[in-house]
């Protein structure tokens, strides 16, 4: 590919320059080439593994985001339910308070009538 920098191309070029400067036996050269191919394969495998790890991390982040959104939705629903419950309880207490006030007023009326009867009998 033109215009694409590949590290292995640079390594091959360095190896060619080194061969011209330093005589190397054929066995040593084959060993170096074998090691170079192994290193290239290891690098390619590492890139594949890194890509897979990156996808795994992205999936994990998505799962955490989904869990957080579901949790927040649950908390918001609970908050709304508690608000409704509090309103209901407050209305219930207000209703009970008015009934108790009416009962107290009725009892006071009865007490006043009894007191008037007692006062009328004494005369």
C-alpha atoms as a PDB file:
ATOM      1  CA  UNK A   1       0.000   0.000   0.000  1.00  0.00           C
ATOM      2  CA  UNK A   2       1.311   3.404  -0.899  1.00  0.00           C
ATOM      3  CA  UNK A   3       1.462   6.063   1.759  1.00  0.00           C
ATOM      4  CA  UNK A   4       0.722   3.649   4.611  1.00  0.00           C
ATOM      5  CA  UNK A   5       3.471   3.348   7.211  1.00  0.00           C
ATOM      6  CA  UNK A   6       3.929  -0.214   8.366  1.00  0.00           C
ATOM      7  CA  UNK A   7       6.460  -0.972  11.129  1.00  0.00           C
ATOM      8  CA  UNK A   8       7.388  -4.309   9.560  1.00  0.00           C
ATOM      9  CA  UNK A   9       8.437  -2.552   6.316  1.00  0.00           C
ATOM     10  CA  UNK A  10      10.794  -0.378   8.320  1.00  0.00           C
ATOM     11  CA  UNK A  11      12.171  -3.438  10.134  1.00  0.00           C
ATOM     12  CA  UNK A  12      12.778  -5.230   6.829  1.00  0.00           C
ATOM     13  CA  UNK A  13      14.581  -2.164   5.464  1.00  0.00           C
ATOM     14  CA  UNK A  14      16.796  -2.019   8.556  1.00  0.00           C
ATOM     15  CA  UNK A  15      17.547  -5.727   8.185  1.00  0.00           C
ATOM     16  CA  UNK A  16      18.559  -5.174   4.560  1.00  0.00           C
ATOM     17  CA  UNK A  17      20.900  -2.309   5.570  1.00  0.00           C
ATOM     18  CA  UNK A  18      22.368  -4.393   8.372  1.00  0.00           C
ATOM     19  CA  UNK A  19      23.026  -7.284   5.974  1.00  0.00           C
ATOM     20  CA  UNK A  20      24.977  -5.013   3.699  1.00  0.00           C
ATOM     21  CA  UNK A  21      27.076  -3.671   6.581  1.00  0.00           C
ATOM     22  CA  UNK A  22      27.562  -6.853   8.611  1.00  0.00           C
ATOM     23  CA  UNK A  23      28.006 -10.237   7.022  1.00  0.00           C
ATOM     24  CA  UNK A  24      25.519 -12.715   8.539  1.00  0.00           C
ATOM     25  CA  UNK A  25      25.412 -16.436   8.008  1.00  0.00           C
ATOM     26  CA  UNK A  26      22.460 -17.919   6.197  1.00  0.00           C
ATOM     27  CA  UNK A  27      21.423 -19.791   9.361  1.00  0.00           C
ATOM     28  CA  UNK A  28      21.531 -16.590  11.410  1.00  0.00           C
ATOM     29  CA  UNK A  29      19.558 -14.762   8.742  1.00  0.00           C
ATOM     30  CA  UNK A  30      16.910 -17.499   8.674  1.00  0.00           C
ATOM     31  CA  UNK A  31      16.732 -17.375  12.476  1.00  0.00           C
ATOM     32  CA  UNK A  32      16.305 -13.607  12.414  1.00  0.00           C
ATOM     33  CA  UNK A  33      13.624 -13.875   9.720  1.00  0.00           C
ATOM     34  CA  UNK A  34      11.841 -16.608  11.689  1.00  0.00           C
ATOM     35  CA  UNK A  35      11.922 -14.453  14.822  1.00  0.00           C
ATOM     36  CA  UNK A  36      10.703 -11.453  12.866  1.00  0.00           C
ATOM     37  CA  UNK A  37       7.757 -13.396  11.428  1.00  0.00           C
ATOM     38  CA  UNK A  38       6.938 -14.725  14.903  1.00  0.00           C
ATOM     39  CA  UNK A  39       7.076 -11.192  16.327  1.00  0.00           C
ATOM     40  CA  UNK A  40       4.796  -9.937  13.527  1.00  0.00           C
ATOM     41  CA  UNK A  41       2.327 -12.759  14.223  1.00  0.00           C
ATOM     42  CA  UNK A  42       2.463 -12.038  17.955  1.00  0.00           C
ATOM     43  CA  UNK A  43       1.807  -8.356  17.279  1.00  0.00           C
ATOM     44  CA  UNK A  44      -1.130  -9.214  15.015  1.00  0.00           C
ATOM     45  CA  UNK A  45      -2.545 -11.563  17.664  1.00  0.00           C
ATOM     46  CA  UNK A  46      -2.081  -8.860  20.306  1.00  0.00           C
ATOM     47  CA  UNK A  47      -4.016  -6.388  18.136  1.00  0.00           C
ATOM     48  CA  UNK A  48      -6.843  -8.919  17.748  1.00  0.00           C
ATOM     49  CA  UNK A  49      -6.915  -9.547  21.495  1.00  0.00           C
ATOM     50  CA  UNK A  50      -6.831  -5.811  22.229  1.00  0.00           C
ATOM     51  CA  UNK A  51      -9.753  -5.287  19.858  1.00  0.00           C
ATOM     52  CA  UNK A  52     -11.711  -8.052  21.552  1.00  0.00           C
ATOM     53  CA  UNK A  53     -10.914  -6.607  24.985  1.00  0.00           C
ATOM     54  CA  UNK A  54     -12.027  -3.187  23.774  1.00  0.00           C
ATOM     55  CA  UNK A  55     -15.340  -4.647  22.580  1.00  0.00           C
ATOM     56  CA  UNK A  56     -15.763  -6.465  25.893  1.00  0.00           C
ATOM     57  CA  UNK A  57     -15.159  -3.237  27.809  1.00  0.00           C
ATOM     58  CA  UNK A  58     -17.627  -1.407  25.559  1.00  0.00           C
ATOM     59  CA  UNK A  59     -20.257  -4.098  26.173  1.00  0.00           C
ATOM     60  CA  UNK A  60     -19.594  -3.966  29.901  1.00  0.00           C
ATOM     61  CA  UNK A  61     -19.962  -0.185  29.883  1.00  0.00           C
ATOM     62  CA  UNK A  62     -23.240  -0.523  27.983  1.00  0.00           C
ATOM     63  CA  UNK A  63     -24.505  -3.048  30.551  1.00  0.00           C
ATOM     64  CA  UNK A  64     -23.542  -0.740  33.415  1.00  0.00           C
ATOM     65  CA  UNK A  65     -25.227   2.208  31.664  1.00  0.00           C
ATOM     66  CA  UNK A  66     -28.398   0.134  31.129  1.00  0.00           C
ATOM     67  CA  UNK A  67     -28.347  -0.997  34.766  1.00  0.00           C
ATOM     68  CA  UNK A  68     -27.855   2.594  35.954  1.00  0.00           C
ATOM     69  CA  UNK A  69     -30.750   3.804  33.773  1.00  0.00           C
ATOM     70  CA  UNK A  70     -33.019   1.014  35.035  1.00  0.00           C
ATOM     71  CA  UNK A  71     -32.051   1.760  38.635  1.00  0.00           C
ATOM     72  CA  UNK A  72     -32.696   5.474  38.202  1.00  0.00           C
ATOM     73  CA  UNK A  73     -36.074   4.718  36.605  1.00  0.00           C
ATOM     74  CA  UNK A  74     -36.946   2.492  39.578  1.00  0.00           C
ATOM     75  CA  UNK A  75     -35.880   5.162  42.063  1.00  0.00           C
ATOM     76  CA  UNK A  76     -37.886   7.805  40.214  1.00  0.00           C
ATOM     77  CA  UNK A  77     -40.957   5.553  40.236  1.00  0.00           C
ATOM     78  CA  UNK A  78     -40.502   4.901  43.973  1.00  0.00           C
ATOM     79  CA  UNK A  79     -40.107   8.626  44.612  1.00  0.00           C
ATOM     80  CA  UNK A  80     -43.352   9.296  42.752  1.00  0.00           C
ATOM     81  CA  UNK A  81     -45.131   6.469  44.603  1.00  0.00           C
ATOM     82  CA  UNK A  82     -43.959   7.817  47.963  1.00  0.00           C
ATOM     83  CA  UNK A  83     -45.126  11.282  46.978  1.00  0.00           C
ATOM     84  CA  UNK A  84     -48.549   9.892  46.087  1.00  0.00           C
ATOM     85  CA  UNK A  85     -48.629   7.882  49.315  1.00  0.00           C
ATOM     86  CA  UNK A  86     -47.742  10.927  51.380  1.00  0.00           C
ATOM     87  CA  UNK A  87     -50.502  12.944  49.712  1.00  0.00           C
ATOM     88  CA  UNK A  88     -52.959  10.125  50.382  1.00  0.00           C
ATOM     89  CA  UNK A  89     -51.874   9.820  54.028  1.00  0.00           C
ATOM     90  CA  UNK A  90     -52.021  13.608  54.517  1.00  0.00           C
ATOM     91  CA  UNK A  91     -55.533  13.695  53.065  1.00  0.00           C
ATOM     92  CA  UNK A  92     -56.537  10.762  55.265  1.00  0.00           C
ATOM     93  CA  UNK A  93     -55.231  12.497  58.377  1.00  0.00           C
ATOM     94  CA  UNK A  94     -57.000  15.718  57.405  1.00  0.00           C
ATOM     95  CA  UNK A  95     -60.233  13.774  56.946  1.00  0.00           C
ATOM     96  CA  UNK A  96     -59.815  12.049  60.289  1.00  0.00           C
ATOM     97  CA  UNK A  97     -59.010  15.368  61.938  1.00  0.00           C
ATOM     98  CA  UNK A  98     -62.224  16.926  60.620  1.00  0.00           C
ATOM     99  CA  UNK A  99     -64.241  13.880  61.782  1.00  0.00           C
ATOM    100  CA  UNK A 100     -62.625  14.003  65.213  1.00  0.00           C
ATOM    101  CA  UNK A 101     -63.309  17.740  65.408  1.00  0.00           C
ATOM    102  CA  UNK A 102     -66.964  17.113  64.497  1.00  0.00           C
ATOM    103  CA  UNK A 103     -67.153  14.339  67.116  1.00  0.00           C
ATOM    104  CA  UNK A 104     -65.597  16.603  69.746  1.00  0.00           C
ATOM    105  CA  UNK A 105     -68.050  19.341  68.871  1.00  0.00           C
ATOM    106  CA  UNK A 106     -70.952  16.883  69.176  1.00  0.00           C
ATOM    107  CA  UNK A 107     -69.637  15.625  72.520  1.00  0.00           C
ATOM    108  CA  UNK A 108     -69.311  19.206  73.728  1.00  0.00           C
ATOM    109  CA  UNK A 109     -72.904  19.860  72.692  1.00  0.00           C
ATOM    110  CA  UNK A 110     -74.028  16.760  74.607  1.00  0.00           C
ATOM    111  CA  UNK A 111     -71.991  17.814  77.637  1.00  0.00           C
ATOM    112  CA  UNK A 112     -73.556  21.290  77.521  1.00  0.00           C
ATOM    113  CA  UNK A 113     -77.063  19.787  77.312  1.00  0.00           C
ATOM    114  CA  UNK A 114     -76.351  17.475  80.257  1.00  0.00           C
ATOM    115  CA  UNK A 115     -74.970  20.401  82.230  1.00  0.00           C
ATOM    116  CA  UNK A 116     -78.138  22.431  81.453  1.00  0.00           C
ATOM    117  CA  UNK A 117     -80.328  19.517  82.637  1.00  0.00           C
ATOM    118  CA  UNK A 118     -78.335  19.290  85.842  1.00  0.00           C
ATOM    119  CA  UNK A 119     -78.625  23.023  86.373  1.00  0.00           C
ATOM    120  CA  UNK A 120     -82.395  22.928  85.674  1.00  0.00           C
ATOM    121  CA  UNK A 121     -82.960  20.113  88.199  1.00  0.00           C
ATOM    122  CA  UNK A 122     -81.250  22.075  90.924  1.00  0.00           C
ATOM    123  CA  UNK A 123     -83.786  24.895  90.645  1.00  0.00           C
END
